[in-house]
């Protein structure tokens, strides 16, 4: 990557990695309905698996930020940062650190280009990032991805082996011919995600410049923290708002779009009753959580968790401290 980074630049990369790791820890620690948390898990997947996973991600976020810094110095093309390979290697490291199965695939896919973009973005005093500049750089990162990036991400998906991975209408990850097509037809990772964006919100975020995360998740987190003065309440209420507005595509892949919409309607009902701000809301939230857990992880709003974790990353990168 050319000349060695200065101590300040290395510190910046470490700071970015810590922000993203902390965002994951904040998200998993909140008492969200239907997700793994401190007191409740699923068969084979518990809170400690997510803690180990969060720690395992940090070196790869740091590397991604370092490569972003190299891009900003003109020493590396943005198309050469190897986002896909870093995602694959990070997912493999997560698998090596714990035995709870797929914990953070969607979150890693969203956060890795964000780490690169954060490295590219000039920092203000106290290492704070201008989020509007960060978003512009994020677009550059995802749109510059290559066919090789796509192949590495396919490897990452196979390693994580997420539930609900049904046959895709095109470029199915489980079809060995897909990799050959991607390379022969020079289909970039961005283009692959464009195909999948109609049925997967993680892919949709990549191709919409993280529209839900920047325009909905992050503003709601900021508003809820001011209103509740509690990070846990802010995360739970934001989670419910996202779920109510955007049916969870992880649920949809496993049990159908109709059931995902039913879950969204119930999330809206919890909010109408006040959520954690009222006794009626708390009771409805407990009922909602219980309903989501009755089918083990089939109704786990996992994609919603990925979106909220990434919104929390913006919050921490922007200077939030508890």
Protein backbone atom coordinates (compact mmCIF):
# COMPACT_ATOMS: atom_id res chain seq x y z
CA UNK A 1 0.00 0.00 0.00
CA UNK A 2 2.95 2.32 -0.53
CA UNK A 3 4.55 4.21 2.33
CA UNK A 4 3.86 3.03 5.85
CA UNK A 5 0.94 4.81 7.53
CA UNK A 6 1.79 7.40 10.15
CA UNK A 7 1.03 6.78 13.82
CA UNK A 8 -1.97 9.12 13.57
CA UNK A 9 -3.33 7.20 10.60
CA UNK A 10 -2.82 3.88 12.34
CA UNK A 11 -4.62 5.31 15.37
CA UNK A 12 -7.47 6.37 13.11
CA UNK A 13 -7.81 2.84 11.70
CA UNK A 14 -7.85 1.40 15.22
CA UNK A 15 -10.46 3.94 16.24
CA UNK A 16 -12.72 2.99 13.32
CA UNK A 17 -12.40 -0.70 14.19
CA UNK A 18 -13.25 -0.06 17.83
CA UNK A 19 -16.30 1.99 16.83
CA UNK A 20 -17.66 -0.82 14.66
CA UNK A 21 -16.89 -3.52 17.22
CA UNK A 22 -18.63 -1.44 19.90
CA UNK A 23 -21.66 -0.94 17.64
CA UNK A 24 -22.03 -4.72 17.34
CA UNK A 25 -21.75 -5.08 21.13
CA UNK A 26 -24.36 -2.35 21.68
CA UNK A 27 -26.76 -4.04 19.27
CA UNK A 28 -26.46 -7.54 20.69
CA UNK A 29 -26.72 -6.25 24.27
CA UNK A 30 -30.09 -4.55 23.72
CA UNK A 31 -33.21 -6.46 24.76
CA UNK A 32 -34.74 -6.64 21.28
CA UNK A 33 -37.74 -8.90 20.55
CA UNK A 34 -37.00 -12.18 18.81
CA UNK A 35 -33.21 -11.78 18.85
CA UNK A 36 -30.44 -13.29 20.93
CA UNK A 37 -29.67 -11.10 23.94
CA UNK A 38 -27.99 -11.31 27.34
CA UNK A 39 -30.65 -13.53 28.91
CA UNK A 40 -32.28 -15.37 25.98
CA UNK A 41 -30.83 -17.23 23.02
CA UNK A 42 -31.74 -19.90 20.51
CA UNK A 43 -30.75 -23.53 20.46
CA UNK A 44 -27.02 -23.55 19.74
CA UNK A 45 -26.69 -19.75 19.48
CA UNK A 46 -26.28 -17.59 22.58
CA UNK A 47 -25.08 -14.17 23.68
CA UNK A 48 -21.49 -15.32 24.25
CA UNK A 49 -21.25 -16.46 20.62
CA UNK A 50 -21.98 -12.90 19.50
CA UNK A 51 -19.47 -11.45 21.97
CA UNK A 52 -16.74 -13.70 20.56
CA UNK A 53 -17.83 -12.82 17.03
CA UNK A 54 -17.63 -9.08 17.70
CA UNK A 55 -14.07 -9.38 18.99
CA UNK A 56 -13.09 -11.49 15.97
CA UNK A 57 -14.22 -8.79 13.52
CA UNK A 58 -12.06 -5.95 14.83
CA UNK A 59 -8.75 -6.74 13.05
CA UNK A 60 -10.53 -6.88 9.68
CA UNK A 61 -12.33 -3.59 10.23
CA UNK A 62 -8.95 -2.10 11.13
CA UNK A 63 -7.40 -3.48 7.93
CA UNK A 64 -10.33 -2.13 5.92
CA UNK A 65 -9.88 1.33 7.44
CA UNK A 66 -6.14 1.22 6.70
CA UNK A 67 -6.90 0.45 3.07
CA UNK A 68 -9.37 3.31 3.00
CA UNK A 69 -6.64 5.63 4.29
CA UNK A 70 -4.33 4.36 1.54
CA UNK A 71 -7.02 5.19 -1.03
CA UNK A 72 -7.29 8.71 0.38
CA UNK A 73 -3.51 9.09 -0.01
CA UNK A 74 -3.65 7.99 -3.66
CA UNK A 75 -1.64 4.84 -2.94
CA UNK A 76 -4.42 2.36 -3.68
CA UNK A 77 -7.31 2.31 -6.13
CA UNK A 78 -10.69 1.95 -4.46
CA UNK A 79 -11.34 -1.07 -6.72
CA UNK A 80 -8.24 -2.74 -5.27
CA UNK A 81 -9.14 -2.66 -1.56
CA UNK A 82 -10.45 -6.26 -1.74
CA UNK A 83 -13.69 -5.70 0.17
CA UNK A 84 -14.92 -9.17 -0.76
CA UNK A 85 -11.83 -10.93 0.49
CA UNK A 86 -11.91 -9.02 3.78
CA UNK A 87 -15.56 -10.02 4.22
CA UNK A 88 -14.68 -13.67 3.52
CA UNK A 89 -11.68 -13.66 5.86
CA UNK A 90 -13.63 -11.88 8.60
CA UNK A 91 -16.51 -14.38 8.39
CA UNK A 92 -14.02 -17.26 8.54
CA UNK A 93 -12.38 -15.73 11.63
CA UNK A 94 -15.78 -15.32 13.29
CA UNK A 95 -16.48 -19.01 12.64
CA UNK A 96 -13.11 -19.91 14.17
CA UNK A 97 -13.82 -17.98 17.37
CA UNK A 98 -17.16 -19.54 18.31
CA UNK A 99 -19.41 -22.56 17.80
CA UNK A 100 -22.76 -20.77 17.55
CA UNK A 101 -23.08 -20.84 13.77
CA UNK A 102 -23.86 -17.78 11.67
CA UNK A 103 -23.87 -14.74 13.94
CA UNK A 104 -22.81 -11.67 11.94
CA UNK A 105 -22.78 -12.36 8.20
CA UNK A 106 -25.18 -9.55 7.25
CA UNK A 107 -23.61 -7.13 9.70
CA UNK A 108 -20.11 -7.81 8.34
CA UNK A 109 -21.29 -7.35 4.74
CA UNK A 110 -22.69 -3.94 5.71
CA UNK A 111 -19.85 -2.81 7.97
CA UNK A 112 -16.79 -3.79 5.90
CA UNK A 113 -17.29 -1.18 3.13
CA UNK A 114 -18.24 1.30 5.85
CA UNK A 115 -14.83 0.73 7.48
CA UNK A 116 -13.09 1.39 4.14
CA UNK A 117 -15.17 4.54 3.61
CA UNK A 118 -14.37 5.72 7.15
CA UNK A 119 -10.67 5.36 6.39
CA UNK A 120 -11.15 7.43 3.23
CA UNK A 121 -13.05 10.18 5.04
CA UNK A 122 -11.12 13.11 6.59
CA UNK A 123 -11.52 13.30 10.33
CA UNK A 124 -12.31 16.36 12.39
CA UNK A 125 -10.97 17.07 15.85
CA UNK A 126 -11.15 14.07 18.23
CA UNK A 127 -11.40 11.67 15.25
CA UNK A 128 -15.04 12.49 14.50
CA UNK A 129 -16.30 11.69 11.01
CA UNK A 130 -18.49 13.85 8.80
CA UNK A 131 -21.29 11.40 8.01
CA UNK A 132 -22.30 13.10 4.74
CA UNK A 133 -18.73 12.71 3.40
CA UNK A 134 -18.64 9.17 4.77
CA UNK A 135 -21.79 8.31 2.80
CA UNK A 136 -20.33 9.67 -0.45
CA UNK A 137 -17.20 7.58 0.04
CA UNK A 138 -19.33 4.55 0.88
CA UNK A 139 -20.98 4.80 -2.53
CA UNK A 140 -17.55 4.90 -4.18
CA UNK A 141 -16.47 1.77 -2.30
CA UNK A 142 -19.47 -0.43 -3.12
CA UNK A 143 -19.74 0.71 -6.75
CA UNK A 144 -16.03 -0.06 -7.33
CA UNK A 145 -16.32 -3.71 -6.28
CA UNK A 146 -15.17 -6.41 -8.70
CA UNK A 147 -16.19 -9.91 -9.83
CA UNK A 148 -13.45 -11.25 -7.56
CA UNK A 149 -15.12 -9.47 -4.63
CA UNK A 150 -18.36 -11.26 -5.54
CA UNK A 151 -16.66 -14.67 -5.57
CA UNK A 152 -15.14 -14.04 -2.13
CA UNK A 153 -18.52 -12.99 -0.72
CA UNK A 154 -20.06 -16.18 -2.12
CA UNK A 155 -17.34 -18.05 -0.20
CA UNK A 156 -18.26 -16.08 2.94
CA UNK A 157 -21.93 -17.01 2.57
CA UNK A 158 -21.05 -20.67 2.21
CA UNK A 159 -18.84 -20.50 5.31
CA UNK A 160 -21.53 -18.82 7.41
CA UNK A 161 -24.25 -21.05 5.95
CA UNK A 162 -27.16 -18.84 7.03
CA UNK A 163 -30.59 -20.35 7.51
CA UNK A 164 -33.25 -19.52 4.94
CA UNK A 165 -30.76 -19.57 2.08
CA UNK A 166 -33.27 -20.60 -0.57
CA UNK A 167 -32.60 -20.98 -4.27
CA UNK A 168 -32.06 -17.55 -5.84
CA UNK A 169 -33.69 -16.73 -9.21
CA UNK A 170 -30.29 -15.82 -10.69
CA UNK A 171 -26.65 -16.39 -9.71
CA UNK A 172 -27.65 -18.74 -6.90
CA UNK A 173 -24.85 -19.00 -4.33
CA UNK A 174 -25.42 -22.77 -4.06
CA UNK A 175 -24.90 -23.31 -7.77
CA UNK A 176 -21.18 -23.85 -8.61
CA UNK A 177 -21.83 -22.47 -12.11
CA UNK A 178 -22.63 -19.05 -10.61
CA UNK A 179 -19.01 -18.38 -9.70
CA UNK A 180 -17.88 -19.25 -13.21
CA UNK A 181 -20.53 -16.95 -14.71
CA UNK A 182 -19.54 -14.08 -12.41
CA UNK A 183 -15.92 -14.28 -13.52
CA UNK A 184 -16.57 -14.97 -17.20
CA UNK A 185 -19.20 -12.25 -17.56
CA UNK A 186 -17.31 -9.86 -15.26
CA UNK A 187 -20.26 -9.29 -12.90
CA UNK A 188 -19.21 -7.12 -9.95
CA UNK A 189 -20.32 -7.67 -6.37
CA UNK A 190 -22.37 -4.46 -6.62
CA UNK A 191 -24.18 -5.89 -9.66
CA UNK A 192 -24.78 -9.21 -7.89
CA UNK A 193 -26.32 -7.35 -4.95
CA UNK A 194 -28.46 -5.33 -7.35
CA UNK A 195 -30.01 -8.60 -8.54
CA UNK A 196 -30.61 -9.71 -4.93
CA UNK A 197 -31.82 -6.30 -3.72
CA UNK A 198 -35.46 -7.12 -4.45
CA UNK A 199 -35.57 -9.84 -1.80
CA UNK A 200 -32.74 -9.02 0.62
CA UNK A 201 -32.44 -5.73 2.53
CA UNK A 202 -28.71 -6.09 3.17
CA UNK A 203 -28.12 -6.22 -0.59
CA UNK A 204 -30.65 -3.44 -1.09
CA UNK A 205 -28.72 -1.20 1.29
CA UNK A 206 -25.54 -1.69 -0.74
CA UNK A 207 -27.25 -0.58 -3.93
CA UNK A 208 -29.25 2.31 -2.42
CA UNK A 209 -26.29 3.97 -0.66
CA UNK A 210 -27.51 2.60 2.69
CA UNK A 211 -30.82 4.43 2.41
CA UNK A 212 -32.62 2.78 5.33
CA UNK A 213 -29.58 3.04 7.59
CA UNK A 214 -28.70 6.69 6.94
CA UNK A 215 -32.21 8.07 6.41
CA UNK A 216 -34.20 6.02 8.91
CA UNK A 217 -32.16 3.97 11.41
CA UNK A 218 -29.59 6.60 12.34
CA UNK A 219 -32.03 9.54 12.75
CA UNK A 220 -34.33 7.37 14.88
CA UNK A 221 -31.45 6.30 17.11
CA UNK A 222 -30.46 9.95 17.64
CA UNK A 223 -34.05 10.95 18.38
CA UNK A 224 -34.69 8.03 20.72
CA UNK A 225 -31.51 8.60 22.71
CA UNK A 226 -32.56 12.22 23.29
CA UNK A 227 -36.09 11.17 24.18
CA UNK A 228 -35.39 8.16 26.41
CA UNK A 229 -31.86 8.94 27.67
CA UNK A 230 -31.31 5.18 27.52
CA UNK A 231 -29.31 3.38 24.85
CA UNK A 232 -31.19 0.12 25.41
CA UNK A 233 -34.60 1.81 25.02
CA UNK A 234 -33.34 3.74 22.00
CA UNK A 235 -32.13 0.56 20.30
CA UNK A 236 -35.33 -1.38 21.11
CA UNK A 237 -37.64 1.40 19.90
CA UNK A 238 -35.57 1.96 16.75
CA UNK A 239 -35.54 -1.78 16.12
CA UNK A 240 -39.35 -1.84 16.36
CA UNK A 241 -39.68 1.18 14.06
CA UNK A 242 -37.42 -0.40 11.43
CA UNK A 243 -39.24 -3.72 11.69
CA UNK A 244 -42.64 -2.00 11.41
CA UNK A 245 -41.63 -0.02 8.30
CA UNK A 246 -39.46 -2.63 6.57
CA UNK A 247 -40.57 -6.29 6.78
CA UNK A 248 -37.58 -8.42 7.73
CA UNK A 249 -36.17 -10.21 4.68
CA UNK A 250 -34.46 -12.86 6.83
CA UNK A 251 -37.92 -13.89 8.09
CA UNK A 252 -39.36 -13.61 4.57
CA UNK A 253 -36.75 -16.00 3.16
CA UNK A 254 -37.54 -18.59 5.82
CA UNK A 255 -41.33 -18.46 6.15
CA UNK A 256 -42.58 -16.14 3.42
CA UNK A 257 -43.29 -12.48 2.78
CA UNK A 258 -46.79 -12.69 4.24
CA UNK A 259 -45.52 -13.84 7.62
CA UNK A 260 -42.82 -11.15 7.58
CA UNK A 261 -45.52 -8.52 7.02
CA UNK A 262 -47.56 -9.95 9.89
CA UNK A 263 -44.51 -9.53 12.16
CA UNK A 264 -44.17 -5.91 11.01
CA UNK A 265 -47.83 -5.22 11.85
CA UNK A 266 -47.28 -6.58 15.36
CA UNK A 267 -44.17 -4.43 15.81
CA UNK A 268 -46.29 -1.40 14.88
CA UNK A 269 -48.88 -2.41 17.48
CA UNK A 270 -46.20 -2.46 20.20
CA UNK A 271 -45.16 1.06 19.21
CA UNK A 272 -48.76 2.33 19.18
CA UNK A 273 -49.06 1.19 22.80
CA UNK A 274 -45.91 3.14 23.74
CA UNK A 275 -43.27 0.42 23.66
CA UNK A 276 -41.02 0.57 26.70
CA UNK A 277 -42.53 3.94 27.74
CA UNK A 278 -45.82 2.47 28.99
CA UNK A 279 -46.98 -0.58 30.94
CA UNK A 280 -49.31 -1.56 28.08
CA UNK A 281 -46.43 -1.27 25.62
CA UNK A 282 -44.13 -3.35 27.79
CA UNK A 283 -46.73 -6.10 28.12
CA UNK A 284 -47.36 -6.12 24.36
CA UNK A 285 -43.61 -6.22 23.76
CA UNK A 286 -43.28 -9.27 26.04
CA UNK A 287 -46.10 -11.00 24.13
CA UNK A 288 -44.48 -10.09 20.81
CA UNK A 289 -41.10 -11.40 21.93
CA UNK A 290 -42.67 -14.65 23.16
CA UNK A 291 -44.50 -15.14 19.87
CA UNK A 292 -41.33 -14.61 17.84
CA UNK A 293 -39.43 -17.16 19.92
CA UNK A 294 -42.03 -19.94 19.80
CA UNK A 295 -40.72 -21.19 16.46
CA UNK A 296 -37.09 -21.02 17.65
CA UNK A 297 -35.26 -18.87 15.10
CA UNK A 298 -37.72 -18.97 12.18
CA UNK A 299 -39.13 -15.56 13.16
CA UNK A 300 -35.83 -14.05 14.26
CA UNK A 301 -35.67 -10.52 12.72
CA UNK A 302 -32.00 -10.95 11.84
CA UNK A 303 -31.83 -8.48 8.97
CA UNK A 304 -33.39 -5.79 11.16
CA UNK A 305 -30.59 -6.43 13.65
CA UNK A 306 -27.99 -5.98 10.87
CA UNK A 307 -29.51 -2.63 9.89
CA UNK A 308 -29.66 -1.40 13.49
CA UNK A 309 -26.06 -2.49 14.17
CA UNK A 310 -24.91 -0.45 11.17
CA UNK A 311 -26.95 2.54 12.33
CA UNK A 312 -25.23 2.23 15.70
CA UNK A 313 -21.88 2.24 13.88
CA UNK A 314 -22.78 5.63 12.38
CA UNK A 315 -23.78 6.84 15.82
CA UNK A 316 -20.46 5.84 17.39
CA UNK A 317 -18.38 7.06 14.44
CA UNK A 318 -20.21 10.38 14.80
CA UNK A 319 -19.02 10.75 18.39
CA UNK A 320 -21.73 9.15 20.56
CA UNK A 321 -20.62 8.14 24.05
CA UNK A 322 -22.90 6.49 26.64
